[in-house]
Amino acid sequence: MKRQLLQNVKVLPVTSGTTVIDRDGFLSAVLGVTAAAAGDIAVSVTHCDTAAGTFEAVKDDRMFGLNTTVGTGGAVSTSVTAAKDELVNVGIDLIGCKQFVTVTAVGVFAITLGDSDRQPV
């Protein structure tokens, strides 16, 4: 059986904190970040029911798989340590999120949505 990768993922360039991502049909994401400087790369996610609405911080402490911290008001962020210019991948579980999300991280990054809830025939 031939796998149909292109029908099961969506790869997007992202501007930190401002690109609104429509995650409809996708249950997870991988964020590929090139570290701007050595140290921790902090990642946070906000979500909303509409693309133009007021985004709120994700408060699900199971949102990330790496070094997760819960901040003021229950906002969740994660971090991973990297060398300058190192490429790191951060897995994000989007199951508890609303349809539209934004991702904030320091460095250059792209996001790949995966785990499509619709399988190609």
PDB file of N, CA and C in Angstrom:
ATOM      1  N   MET A   1       0.834  -1.181   0.000  1.00  0.00           N
ATOM      2  CA  MET A   1       0.000   0.000   0.000  1.00  0.00           C
ATOM      3  C   MET A   1       0.880   1.245   0.000  1.00  0.00           C
ATOM      4  N   LYS A   2       0.610   2.154  -0.881  1.00  0.00           N
ATOM      5  CA  LYS A   2       1.381   3.392  -0.972  1.00  0.00           C
ATOM      6  C   LYS A   2       0.833   4.413   0.028  1.00  0.00           C
ATOM      7  N   ARG A   3       1.721   4.986   0.816  1.00  0.00           N
ATOM      8  CA  ARG A   3       1.322   6.007   1.789  1.00  0.00           C
ATOM      9  C   ARG A   3       1.092   7.322   1.061  1.00  0.00           C
ATOM     10  N   GLN A   4       0.145   8.100   1.483  1.00  0.00           N
ATOM     11  CA  GLN A   4      -0.174   9.361   0.845  1.00  0.00           C
ATOM     12  C   GLN A   4       0.141  10.507   1.796  1.00  0.00           C
ATOM     13  N   LEU A   5       1.432  10.789   1.942  1.00  0.00           N
ATOM     14  CA  LEU A   5       1.902  11.796   2.886  1.00  0.00           C
ATOM     15  C   LEU A   5       1.305  13.169   2.610  1.00  0.00           C
ATOM     16  N   LEU A   6       1.295  13.605   1.359  1.00  0.00           N
ATOM     17  CA  LEU A   6       0.803  14.943   1.047  1.00  0.00           C
ATOM     18  C   LEU A   6      -0.669  15.134   1.376  1.00  0.00           C
ATOM     19  N   GLN A   7      -1.446  14.070   1.373  1.00  0.00           N
ATOM     20  CA  GLN A   7      -2.855  14.184   1.710  1.00  0.00           C
ATOM     21  C   GLN A   7      -3.103  14.145   3.220  1.00  0.00           C
ATOM     22  N   ASN A   8      -2.064  13.857   3.992  1.00  0.00           N
ATOM     23  CA  ASN A   8      -2.217  13.700   5.435  1.00  0.00           C
ATOM     24  C   ASN A   8      -1.528  14.771   6.269  1.00  0.00           C
ATOM     25  N   VAL A   9      -0.795  15.688   5.628  1.00  0.00           N
ATOM     26  CA  VAL A   9      -0.119  16.760   6.347  1.00  0.00           C
ATOM     27  C   VAL A   9      -0.345  18.088   5.632  1.00  0.00           C
ATOM     28  N   LYS A  10      -0.076  19.166   6.358  1.00  0.00           N
ATOM     29  CA  LYS A  10      -0.162  20.519   5.808  1.00  0.00           C
ATOM     30  C   LYS A  10       1.020  21.283   6.389  1.00  0.00           C
ATOM     31  N   VAL A  11       1.928  21.766   5.539  1.00  0.00           N
ATOM     32  CA  VAL A  11       3.125  22.476   5.977  1.00  0.00           C
ATOM     33  C   VAL A  11       2.934  23.966   5.702  1.00  0.00           C
ATOM     34  N   LEU A  12       3.197  24.798   6.724  1.00  0.00           N
ATOM     35  CA  LEU A  12       2.957  26.232   6.613  1.00  0.00           C
ATOM     36  C   LEU A  12       4.139  27.044   7.116  1.00  0.00           C
ATOM     37  N   PRO A  13       4.508  28.122   6.389  1.00  0.00           N
ATOM     38  CA  PRO A  13       5.452  29.079   6.969  1.00  0.00           C
ATOM     39  C   PRO A  13       4.685  29.894   8.011  1.00  0.00           C
ATOM     40  N   VAL A  14       5.352  30.285   9.071  1.00  0.00           N
ATOM     41  CA  VAL A  14       4.655  30.958  10.167  1.00  0.00           C
ATOM     42  C   VAL A  14       5.433  32.187  10.621  1.00  0.00           C
ATOM     43  N   THR A  15       4.706  33.277  10.906  1.00  0.00           N
ATOM     44  CA  THR A  15       5.294  34.436  11.560  1.00  0.00           C
ATOM     45  C   THR A  15       4.914  34.350  13.032  1.00  0.00           C
ATOM     46  N   SER A  16       5.896  34.359  13.890  1.00  0.00           N
ATOM     47  CA  SER A  16       5.685  34.133  15.313  1.00  0.00           C
ATOM     48  C   SER A  16       4.599  35.038  15.895  1.00  0.00           C
ATOM     49  N   GLY A  17       3.589  34.396  16.482  1.00  0.00           N
ATOM     50  CA  GLY A  17       2.552  35.119  17.193  1.00  0.00           C
ATOM     51  C   GLY A  17       1.507  35.812  16.349  1.00  0.00           C
ATOM     52  N   THR A  18       1.677  35.864  15.018  1.00  0.00           N
ATOM     53  CA  THR A  18       0.713  36.604  14.203  1.00  0.00           C
ATOM     54  C   THR A  18       0.019  35.768  13.140  1.00  0.00           C
ATOM     55  N   THR A  19       0.646  34.708  12.650  1.00  0.00           N
ATOM     56  CA  THR A  19       0.006  33.870  11.636  1.00  0.00           C
ATOM     57  C   THR A  19      -1.092  33.038  12.291  1.00  0.00           C
ATOM     58  N   VAL A  20      -2.301  33.180  11.776  1.00  0.00           N
ATOM     59  CA  VAL A  20      -3.432  32.396  12.282  1.00  0.00           C
ATOM     60  C   VAL A  20      -3.488  31.097  11.485  1.00  0.00           C
ATOM     61  N   ILE A  21      -3.442  29.987  12.188  1.00  0.00           N
ATOM     62  CA  ILE A  21      -3.411  28.668  11.567  1.00  0.00           C
ATOM     63  C   ILE A  21      -4.772  28.003  11.741  1.00  0.00           C
ATOM     64  N   ASP A  22      -5.392  27.635  10.628  1.00  0.00           N
ATOM     65  CA  ASP A  22      -6.650  26.899  10.673  1.00  0.00           C
ATOM     66  C   ASP A  22      -6.295  25.418  10.783  1.00  0.00           C
ATOM     67  N   ARG A  23      -6.491  24.833  11.938  1.00  0.00           N
ATOM     68  CA  ARG A  23      -6.093  23.452  12.182  1.00  0.00           C
ATOM     69  C   ARG A  23      -7.233  22.473  11.917  1.00  0.00           C
ATOM     70  N   ASP A  24      -8.305  22.924  11.278  1.00  0.00           N
ATOM     71  CA  ASP A  24      -9.451  22.074  11.006  1.00  0.00           C
ATOM     72  C   ASP A  24      -9.015  20.779  10.329  1.00  0.00           C
ATOM     73  N   GLY A  25      -9.364  19.662  10.933  1.00  0.00           N
ATOM     74  CA  GLY A  25      -9.037  18.355  10.381  1.00  0.00           C
ATOM     75  C   GLY A  25      -7.711  17.784  10.837  1.00  0.00           C
ATOM     76  N   PHE A  26      -6.940  18.514  11.637  1.00  0.00           N
ATOM     77  CA  PHE A  26      -5.635  18.041  12.099  1.00  0.00           C
ATOM     78  C   PHE A  26      -5.583  18.017  13.618  1.00  0.00           C
ATOM     79  N   LEU A  27      -4.996  16.944  14.159  1.00  0.00           N
ATOM     80  CA  LEU A  27      -4.993  16.731  15.604  1.00  0.00           C
ATOM     81  C   LEU A  27      -3.664  17.026  16.281  1.00  0.00           C
ATOM     82  N   SER A  28      -2.592  17.211  15.496  1.00  0.00           N
ATOM     83  CA  SER A  28      -1.291  17.507  16.085  1.00  0.00           C
ATOM     84  C   SER A  28      -0.447  18.310  15.105  1.00  0.00           C
ATOM     85  N   ALA A  29       0.709  18.742  15.588  1.00  0.00           N
ATOM     86  CA  ALA A  29       1.619  19.521  14.749  1.00  0.00           C
ATOM     87  C   ALA A  29       3.056  19.262  15.180  1.00  0.00           C
ATOM     88  N   VAL A  30       3.974  19.492  14.257  1.00  0.00           N
ATOM     89  CA  VAL A  30       5.394  19.499  14.564  1.00  0.00           C
ATOM     90  C   VAL A  30       5.907  20.869  14.170  1.00  0.00           C
ATOM     91  N   LEU A  31       6.549  21.522  15.106  1.00  0.00           N
ATOM     92  CA  LEU A  31       7.113  22.844  14.888  1.00  0.00           C
ATOM     93  C   LEU A  31       8.614  22.674  14.695  1.00  0.00           C
ATOM     94  N   GLY A  32       9.131  23.063  13.538  1.00  0.00           N
ATOM     95  CA  GLY A  32      10.569  23.015  13.277  1.00  0.00           C
ATOM     96  C   GLY A  32      11.148  24.397  13.475  1.00  0.00           C
ATOM     97  N   VAL A  33      12.045  24.554  14.463  1.00  0.00           N
ATOM     98  CA  VAL A  33      12.592  25.863  14.819  1.00  0.00           C
ATOM     99  C   VAL A  33      14.109  25.855  14.673  1.00  0.00           C
ATOM    100  N   THR A  34      14.647  26.879  14.019  1.00  0.00           N
ATOM    101  CA  THR A  34      16.092  27.101  14.007  1.00  0.00           C
ATOM    102  C   THR A  34      16.381  28.137  15.082  1.00  0.00           C
ATOM    103  N   ALA A  35      17.169  27.760  16.074  1.00  0.00           N
ATOM    104  CA  ALA A  35      17.424  28.617  17.229  1.00  0.00           C
ATOM    105  C   ALA A  35      18.151  29.895  16.832  1.00  0.00           C
ATOM    106  N   ALA A  36      17.632  31.032  17.283  1.00  0.00           N
ATOM    107  CA  ALA A  36      18.263  32.328  17.005  1.00  0.00           C
ATOM    108  C   ALA A  36      19.530  32.508  17.842  1.00  0.00           C
ATOM    109  N   ALA A  37      19.563  31.888  19.017  1.00  0.00           N
ATOM    110  CA  ALA A  37      20.717  31.970  19.911  1.00  0.00           C
ATOM    111  C   ALA A  37      20.755  30.696  20.750  1.00  0.00           C
ATOM    112  N   ALA A  38      21.908  30.427  21.347  1.00  0.00           N
ATOM    113  CA  ALA A  38      22.021  29.259  22.222  1.00  0.00           C
ATOM    114  C   ALA A  38      21.165  29.460  23.459  1.00  0.00           C
ATOM    115  N   GLY A  39      20.551  28.381  23.942  1.00  0.00           N
ATOM    116  CA  GLY A  39      19.724  28.454  25.140  1.00  0.00           C
ATOM    117  C   GLY A  39      18.387  27.806  24.915  1.00  0.00           C
ATOM    118  N   ASP A  40      17.419  28.212  25.743  1.00  0.00           N
ATOM    119  CA  ASP A  40      16.090  27.632  25.651  1.00  0.00           C
ATOM    120  C   ASP A  40      15.261  28.316  24.568  1.00  0.00           C
ATOM    121  N   ILE A  41      14.557  27.507  23.789  1.00  0.00           N
ATOM    122  CA  ILE A  41      13.572  28.014  22.837  1.00  0.00           C
ATOM    123  C   ILE A  41      12.219  27.827  23.507  1.00  0.00           C
ATOM    124  N   ALA A  42      11.560  28.921  23.816  1.00  0.00           N
ATOM    125  CA  ALA A  42      10.242  28.851  24.444  1.00  0.00           C
ATOM    126  C   ALA A  42       9.174  28.859  23.362  1.00  0.00           C
ATOM    127  N   VAL A  43       8.174  28.009  23.513  1.00  0.00           N
ATOM    128  CA  VAL A  43       7.073  27.899  22.556  1.00  0.00           C
ATOM    129  C   VAL A  43       5.766  28.036  23.324  1.00  0.00           C
ATOM    130  N   SER A  44       4.868  28.871  22.824  1.00  0.00           N
ATOM    131  CA  SER A  44       3.536  28.965  23.412  1.00  0.00           C
ATOM    132  C   SER A  44       2.492  28.993  22.307  1.00  0.00           C
ATOM    133  N   VAL A  45       1.281  28.572  22.639  1.00  0.00           N
ATOM    134  CA  VAL A  45       0.199  28.463  21.669  1.00  0.00           C
ATOM    135  C   VAL A  45      -1.034  29.171  22.220  1.00  0.00           C
ATOM    136  N   THR A  46      -1.723  29.927  21.353  1.00  0.00           N
ATOM    137  CA  THR A  46      -3.013  30.514  21.700  1.00  0.00           C
ATOM    138  C   THR A  46      -4.056  29.947  20.750  1.00  0.00           C
ATOM    139  N   HIS A  47      -5.334  30.024  21.142  1.00  0.00           N
ATOM    140  CA  HIS A  47      -6.382  29.483  20.280  1.00  0.00           C
ATOM    141  C   HIS A  47      -7.662  30.304  20.380  1.00  0.00           C
ATOM    142  N   CYS A  48      -8.516  30.134  19.342  1.00  0.00           N
ATOM    143  CA  CYS A  48      -9.761  30.887  19.261  1.00  0.00           C
ATOM    144  C   CYS A  48     -10.735  30.143  18.350  1.00  0.00           C
ATOM    145  N   ASP A  49     -12.034  30.410  18.514  1.00  0.00           N
ATOM    146  CA  ASP A  49     -13.045  29.785  17.654  1.00  0.00           C
ATOM    147  C   ASP A  49     -13.110  30.416  16.264  1.00  0.00           C
ATOM    148  N   THR A  50     -12.654  31.674  16.136  1.00  0.00           N
ATOM    149  CA  THR A  50     -12.696  32.370  14.845  1.00  0.00           C
ATOM    150  C   THR A  50     -11.319  32.944  14.523  1.00  0.00           C
ATOM    151  N   ALA A  51     -11.034  33.136  13.245  1.00  0.00           N
ATOM    152  CA  ALA A  51      -9.725  33.637  12.829  1.00  0.00           C
ATOM    153  C   ALA A  51      -9.482  35.072  13.263  1.00  0.00           C
ATOM    154  N   ALA A  52     -10.550  35.859  13.393  1.00  0.00           N
ATOM    155  CA  ALA A  52     -10.403  37.275  13.741  1.00  0.00           C
ATOM    156  C   ALA A  52     -10.791  37.564  15.186  1.00  0.00           C
ATOM    157  N   GLY A  53     -11.019  36.540  15.974  1.00  0.00           N
ATOM    158  CA  GLY A  53     -11.461  36.727  17.353  1.00  0.00           C
ATOM    159  C   GLY A  53     -10.320  37.031  18.307  1.00  0.00           C
ATOM    160  N   THR A  54     -10.635  36.994  19.593  1.00  0.00           N
ATOM    161  CA  THR A  54      -9.649  37.224  20.639  1.00  0.00           C
ATOM    162  C   THR A  54      -9.031  35.879  21.021  1.00  0.00           C
ATOM    163  N   PHE A  55      -7.729  35.749  20.813  1.00  0.00           N
ATOM    164  CA  PHE A  55      -7.027  34.505  21.099  1.00  0.00           C
ATOM    165  C   PHE A  55      -6.654  34.462  22.574  1.00  0.00           C
ATOM    166  N   GLU A  56      -6.781  33.267  23.159  1.00  0.00           N
ATOM    167  CA  GLU A  56      -6.425  33.064  24.556  1.00  0.00           C
ATOM    168  C   GLU A  56      -5.375  31.975  24.655  1.00  0.00           C
ATOM    169  N   ALA A  57      -4.577  32.046  25.705  1.00  0.00           N
ATOM    170  CA  ALA A  57      -3.525  31.051  25.903  1.00  0.00           C
ATOM    171  C   ALA A  57      -4.127  29.674  26.129  1.00  0.00           C
ATOM    172  N   VAL A  58      -3.496  28.665  25.570  1.00  0.00           N
ATOM    173  CA  VAL A  58      -3.910  27.285  25.793  1.00  0.00           C
ATOM    174  C   VAL A  58      -3.603  26.940  27.246  1.00  0.00           C
ATOM    175  N   LYS A  59      -4.566  26.348  27.936  1.00  0.00           N
ATOM    176  CA  LYS A  59      -4.407  26.058  29.363  1.00  0.00           C
ATOM    177  C   LYS A  59      -4.364  24.575  29.672  1.00  0.00           C
ATOM    178  N   ASP A  60      -4.198  23.748  28.661  1.00  0.00           N
ATOM    179  CA  ASP A  60      -4.169  22.298  28.841  1.00  0.00           C
ATOM    180  C   ASP A  60      -2.733  21.879  29.126  1.00  0.00           C
ATOM    181  N   ASP A  61      -2.446  21.406  30.337  1.00  0.00           N
ATOM    182  CA  ASP A  61      -1.067  21.069  30.693  1.00  0.00           C
ATOM    183  C   ASP A  61      -0.547  19.824  29.988  1.00  0.00           C
ATOM    184  N   ARG A  62      -1.373  19.162  29.201  1.00  0.00           N
ATOM    185  CA  ARG A  62      -0.923  18.029  28.394  1.00  0.00           C
ATOM    186  C   ARG A  62      -0.640  18.456  26.958  1.00  0.00           C
ATOM    187  N   MET A  63      -0.588  19.756  26.718  1.00  0.00           N
ATOM    188  CA  MET A  63      -0.443  20.295  25.373  1.00  0.00           C
ATOM    189  C   MET A  63       0.877  19.907  24.718  1.00  0.00           C
ATOM    190  N   PHE A  64       1.966  19.911  25.464  1.00  0.00           N
ATOM    191  CA  PHE A  64       3.294  19.673  24.913  1.00  0.00           C
ATOM    192  C   PHE A  64       3.943  18.457  25.557  1.00  0.00           C
ATOM    193  N   GLY A  65       4.959  17.962  24.890  1.00  0.00           N
ATOM    194  CA  GLY A  65       5.674  16.824  25.421  1.00  0.00           C
ATOM    195  C   GLY A  65       7.038  17.140  25.989  1.00  0.00           C
ATOM    196  N   LEU A  66       7.490  18.398  25.935  1.00  0.00           N
ATOM    197  CA  LEU A  66       8.835  18.752  26.377  1.00  0.00           C
ATOM    198  C   LEU A  66       8.813  19.857  27.418  1.00  0.00           C
ATOM    199  N   ASN A  67       9.503  19.707  28.513  1.00  0.00           N
ATOM    200  CA  ASN A  67       9.729  20.762  29.504  1.00  0.00           C
ATOM    201  C   ASN A  67       8.552  21.714  29.668  1.00  0.00           C
ATOM    202  N   THR A  68       7.399  21.198  29.929  1.00  0.00           N
ATOM    203  CA  THR A  68       6.189  22.005  30.026  1.00  0.00           C
ATOM    204  C   THR A  68       6.116  22.750  31.344  1.00  0.00           C
ATOM    205  N   THR A  69       5.711  24.034  31.275  1.00  0.00           N
ATOM    206  CA  THR A  69       5.477  24.827  32.476  1.00  0.00           C
ATOM    207  C   THR A  69       4.107  25.479  32.376  1.00  0.00           C
ATOM    208  N   VAL A  70       3.473  25.648  33.520  1.00  0.00           N
ATOM    209  CA  VAL A  70       2.180  26.329  33.576  1.00  0.00           C
ATOM    210  C   VAL A  70       2.405  27.659  34.266  1.00  0.00           C
ATOM    211  N   GLY A  71       2.076  28.738  33.558  1.00  0.00           N
ATOM    212  CA  GLY A  71       2.325  30.079  34.066  1.00  0.00           C
ATOM    213  C   GLY A  71       1.085  30.711  34.666  1.00  0.00           C
ATOM    214  N   THR A  72       1.119  32.034  34.787  1.00  0.00           N
ATOM    215  CA  THR A  72       0.027  32.817  35.341  1.00  0.00           C
ATOM    216  C   THR A  72      -1.264  32.563  34.584  1.00  0.00           C
ATOM    217  N   GLY A  73      -2.339  32.340  35.299  1.00  0.00           N
ATOM    218  CA  GLY A  73      -3.639  32.119  34.696  1.00  0.00           C
ATOM    219  C   GLY A  73      -3.775  30.770  34.020  1.00  0.00           C
ATOM    220  N   GLY A  74      -2.799  29.887  34.216  1.00  0.00           N
ATOM    221  CA  GLY A  74      -2.863  28.558  33.638  1.00  0.00           C
ATOM    222  C   GLY A  74      -2.317  28.452  32.228  1.00  0.00           C
ATOM    223  N   ALA A  75      -1.744  29.533  31.679  1.00  0.00           N
ATOM    224  CA  ALA A  75      -1.168  29.492  30.335  1.00  0.00           C
ATOM    225  C   ALA A  75      -0.011  28.496  30.304  1.00  0.00           C
ATOM    226  N   VAL A  76       0.063  27.727  29.237  1.00  0.00           N
ATOM    227  CA  VAL A  76       1.064  26.673  29.121  1.00  0.00           C
ATOM    228  C   VAL A  76       2.119  27.061  28.100  1.00  0.00           C
ATOM    229  N   SER A  77       3.368  26.796  28.417  1.00  0.00           N
ATOM    230  CA  SER A  77       4.447  26.968  27.445  1.00  0.00           C
ATOM    231  C   SER A  77       5.428  25.827  27.616  1.00  0.00           C
ATOM    232  N   THR A  78       6.265  25.652  26.636  1.00  0.00           N
ATOM    233  CA  THR A  78       7.263  24.602  26.699  1.00  0.00           C
ATOM    234  C   THR A  78       8.579  25.176  26.220  1.00  0.00           C
ATOM    235  N   SER A  79       9.658  24.528  26.562  1.00  0.00           N
ATOM    236  CA  SER A  79      10.960  24.985  26.085  1.00  0.00           C
ATOM    237  C   SER A  79      11.840  23.785  25.799  1.00  0.00           C
ATOM    238  N   VAL A  80      12.799  24.017  24.923  1.00  0.00           N
ATOM    239  CA  VAL A  80      13.781  23.000  24.591  1.00  0.00           C
ATOM    240  C   VAL A  80      15.116  23.708  24.430  1.00  0.00           C
ATOM    241  N   THR A  81      16.195  23.124  24.943  1.00  0.00           N
ATOM    242  CA  THR A  81      17.508  23.742  24.873  1.00  0.00           C
ATOM    243  C   THR A  81      18.167  23.412  23.544  1.00  0.00           C
ATOM    244  N   ALA A  82      18.754  24.442  22.901  1.00  0.00           N
ATOM    245  CA  ALA A  82      19.379  24.258  21.593  1.00  0.00           C
ATOM    246  C   ALA A  82      20.611  25.147  21.468  1.00  0.00           C
ATOM    247  N   ALA A  83      21.523  24.750  20.583  1.00  0.00           N
ATOM    248  CA  ALA A  83      22.676  25.580  20.244  1.00  0.00           C
ATOM    249  C   ALA A  83      22.249  26.597  19.184  1.00  0.00           C
ATOM    250  N   LYS A  84      23.006  27.675  19.038  1.00  0.00           N
ATOM    251  CA  LYS A  84      22.694  28.679  18.017  1.00  0.00           C
ATOM    252  C   LYS A  84      22.638  28.005  16.647  1.00  0.00           C
ATOM    253  N   ASP A  85      21.616  28.331  15.872  1.00  0.00           N
ATOM    254  CA  ASP A  85      21.376  27.815  14.522  1.00  0.00           C
ATOM    255  C   ASP A  85      21.032  26.328  14.475  1.00  0.00           C
ATOM    256  N   GLU A  86      20.839  25.696  15.623  1.00  0.00           N
ATOM    257  CA  GLU A  86      20.442  24.286  15.638  1.00  0.00           C
ATOM    258  C   GLU A  86      18.961  24.157  15.271  1.00  0.00           C
ATOM    259  N   LEU A  87      18.633  23.160  14.479  1.00  0.00           N
ATOM    260  CA  LEU A  87      17.249  22.874  14.127  1.00  0.00           C
ATOM    261  C   LEU A  87      16.675  21.893  15.135  1.00  0.00           C
ATOM    262  N   VAL A  88      15.571  22.270  15.777  1.00  0.00           N
ATOM    263  CA  VAL A  88      14.904  21.382  16.722  1.00  0.00           C
ATOM    264  C   VAL A  88      13.436  21.233  16.324  1.00  0.00           C
ATOM    265  N   ASN A  89      12.879  20.077  16.619  1.00  0.00           N
ATOM    266  CA  ASN A  89      11.469  19.815  16.357  1.00  0.00           C
ATOM    267  C   ASN A  89      10.737  19.698  17.683  1.00  0.00           C
ATOM    268  N   VAL A  90       9.591  20.369  17.764  1.00  0.00           N
ATOM    269  CA  VAL A  90       8.769  20.350  18.968  1.00  0.00           C
ATOM    270  C   VAL A  90       7.405  19.782  18.589  1.00  0.00           C
ATOM    271  N   GLY A  91       6.992  18.720  19.252  1.00  0.00           N
ATOM    272  CA  GLY A  91       5.682  18.123  19.001  1.00  0.00           C
ATOM    273  C   GLY A  91       4.604  18.858  19.779  1.00  0.00           C
ATOM    274  N   ILE A  92       3.475  19.122  19.131  1.00  0.00           N
ATOM    275  CA  ILE A  92       2.361  19.824  19.768  1.00  0.00           C
ATOM    276  C   ILE A  92       1.088  19.009  19.577  1.00  0.00           C
ATOM    277  N   ASP A  93       0.408  18.728  20.672  1.00  0.00           N
ATOM    278  CA  ASP A  93      -0.869  18.022  20.631  1.00  0.00           C
ATOM    279  C   ASP A  93      -1.975  19.069  20.551  1.00  0.00           C
ATOM    280  N   LEU A  94      -2.740  19.083  19.460  1.00  0.00           N
ATOM    281  CA  LEU A  94      -3.770  20.101  19.242  1.00  0.00           C
ATOM    282  C   LEU A  94      -5.181  19.619  19.560  1.00  0.00           C
ATOM    283  N   ILE A  95      -5.323  18.422  20.100  1.00  0.00           N
ATOM    284  CA  ILE A  95      -6.654  17.852  20.311  1.00  0.00           C
ATOM    285  C   ILE A  95      -7.538  18.755  21.169  1.00  0.00           C
ATOM    286  N   GLY A  96      -7.015  19.354  22.213  1.00  0.00           N
ATOM    287  CA  GLY A  96      -7.823  20.193  23.095  1.00  0.00           C
ATOM    288  C   GLY A  96      -7.971  21.625  22.633  1.00  0.00           C
ATOM    289  N   CYS A  97      -7.446  21.962  21.465  1.00  0.00           N
ATOM    290  CA  CYS A  97      -7.481  23.349  20.992  1.00  0.00           C
ATOM    291  C   CYS A  97      -8.712  23.638  20.144  1.00  0.00           C
ATOM    292  N   LYS A  98      -9.046  24.920  20.072  1.00  0.00           N
ATOM    293  CA  LYS A  98     -10.112  25.376  19.189  1.00  0.00           C
ATOM    294  C   LYS A  98      -9.591  25.352  17.755  1.00  0.00           C
ATOM    295  N   GLN A  99     -10.429  25.716  16.774  1.00  0.00           N
ATOM    296  CA  GLN A  99     -10.079  25.572  15.360  1.00  0.00           C
ATOM    297  C   GLN A  99      -8.888  26.420  14.915  1.00  0.00           C
ATOM    298  N   PHE A 100      -8.747  27.627  15.441  1.00  0.00           N
ATOM    299  CA  PHE A 100      -7.682  28.522  14.990  1.00  0.00           C
ATOM    300  C   PHE A 100      -6.643  28.676  16.090  1.00  0.00           C
ATOM    301  N   VAL A 101      -5.365  28.557  15.725  1.00  0.00           N
ATOM    302  CA  VAL A 101      -4.276  28.668  16.689  1.00  0.00           C
ATOM    303  C   VAL A 101      -3.195  29.608  16.165  1.00  0.00           C
ATOM    304  N   THR A 102      -2.434  30.165  17.091  1.00  0.00           N
ATOM    305  CA  THR A 102      -1.212  30.887  16.752  1.00  0.00           C
ATOM    306  C   THR A 102      -0.098  30.283  17.599  1.00  0.00           C
ATOM    307  N   VAL A 103       1.117  30.319  17.074  1.00  0.00           N
ATOM    308  CA  VAL A 103       2.281  29.774  17.768  1.00  0.00           C
ATOM    309  C   VAL A 103       3.313  30.882  17.901  1.00  0.00           C
ATOM    310  N   THR A 104       3.891  31.000  19.089  1.00  0.00           N
ATOM    311  CA  THR A 104       4.936  31.988  19.335  1.00  0.00           C
ATOM    312  C   THR A 104       6.211  31.263  19.735  1.00  0.00           C
ATOM    313  N   ALA A 105       7.312  31.588  19.052  1.00  0.00           N
ATOM    314  CA  ALA A 105       8.630  31.026  19.364  1.00  0.00           C
ATOM    315  C   ALA A 105       9.683  32.007  18.878  1.00  0.00           C
ATOM    316  N   VAL A 106      10.867  31.947  19.461  1.00  0.00           N
ATOM    317  CA  VAL A 106      11.976  32.791  19.022  1.00  0.00           C
ATOM    318  C   VAL A 106      12.830  31.980  18.063  1.00  0.00           C
ATOM    319  N   GLY A 107      13.087  32.529  16.894  1.00  0.00           N
ATOM    320  CA  GLY A 107      13.861  31.840  15.870  1.00  0.00           C
ATOM    321  C   GLY A 107      13.051  31.762  14.593  1.00  0.00           C
ATOM    322  N   VAL A 108      13.594  31.109  13.609  1.00  0.00           N
ATOM    323  CA  VAL A 108      12.917  30.916  12.337  1.00  0.00           C
ATOM    324  C   VAL A 108      12.233  29.568  12.382  1.00  0.00           C
ATOM    325  N   PHE A 109      10.951  29.521  12.010  1.00  0.00           N
ATOM    326  CA  PHE A 109      10.273  28.236  12.103  1.00  0.00           C
ATOM    327  C   PHE A 109       9.166  28.072  11.081  1.00  0.00           C
ATOM    328  N   ALA A 110       8.789  26.811  10.906  1.00  0.00           N
ATOM    329  CA  ALA A 110       7.645  26.416  10.087  1.00  0.00           C
ATOM    330  C   ALA A 110       6.885  25.376  10.895  1.00  0.00           C
ATOM    331  N   ILE A 111       5.633  25.185  10.538  1.00  0.00           N
ATOM    332  CA  ILE A 111       4.813  24.212  11.262  1.00  0.00           C
ATOM    333  C   ILE A 111       4.212  23.221  10.270  1.00  0.00           C
ATOM    334  N   THR A 112       4.154  21.981  10.693  1.00  0.00           N
ATOM    335  CA  THR A 112       3.513  20.932   9.905  1.00  0.00           C
ATOM    336  C   THR A 112       2.358  20.380  10.716  1.00  0.00           C
ATOM    337  N   LEU A 113       1.150  20.494  10.160  1.00  0.00           N
ATOM    338  CA  LEU A 113      -0.022  19.909  10.798  1.00  0.00           C
ATOM    339  C   LEU A 113      -0.129  18.464  10.358  1.00  0.00           C
ATOM    340  N   GLY A 114      -0.472  17.579  11.262  1.00  0.00           N
ATOM    341  CA  GLY A 114      -0.573  16.155  10.932  1.00  0.00           C
ATOM    342  C   GLY A 114      -1.677  15.475  11.691  1.00  0.00           C
ATOM    343  N   ASP A 115      -1.703  14.163  11.625  1.00  0.00           N
ATOM    344  CA  ASP A 115      -2.763  13.355  12.230  1.00  0.00           C
ATOM    345  C   ASP A 115      -4.127  13.804  11.723  1.00  0.00           C
ATOM    346  N   SER A 116      -4.254  13.779  10.413  1.00  0.00           N
ATOM    347  CA  SER A 116      -5.522  14.173   9.793  1.00  0.00           C
ATOM    348  C   SER A 116      -6.653  13.294  10.306  1.00  0.00           C
ATOM    349  N   ASP A 117      -7.785  13.917  10.577  1.00  0.00           N
ATOM    350  CA  ASP A 117      -8.928  13.124  11.005  1.00  0.00           C
ATOM    351  C   ASP A 117      -9.697  12.566   9.798  1.00  0.00           C
ATOM    352  N   ARG A 118      -9.246  12.887   8.591  1.00  0.00           N
ATOM    353  CA  ARG A 118      -9.819  12.333   7.361  1.00  0.00           C
ATOM    354  C   ARG A 118      -8.734  11.538   6.643  1.00  0.00           C
ATOM    355  N   GLN A 119      -8.971  10.283   6.375  1.00  0.00           N
ATOM    356  CA  GLN A 119      -7.993   9.445   5.697  1.00  0.00           C
ATOM    357  C   GLN A 119      -8.303   9.377   4.203  1.00  0.00           C
ATOM    358  N   PRO A 120      -7.283   9.519   3.341  1.00  0.00           N
ATOM    359  CA  PRO A 120      -7.536   9.427   1.906  1.00  0.00           C
ATOM    360  C   PRO A 120      -7.976   8.009   1.525  1.00  0.00           C
ATOM    361  N   VAL A 121      -8.736   7.929   0.463  1.00  0.00           N
ATOM    362  CA  VAL A 121      -9.247   6.631   0.007  1.00  0.00           C
ATOM    363  C   VAL A 121      -8.296   6.067  -1.027  1.00  0.00           C
TER     364      VAL A 121
END
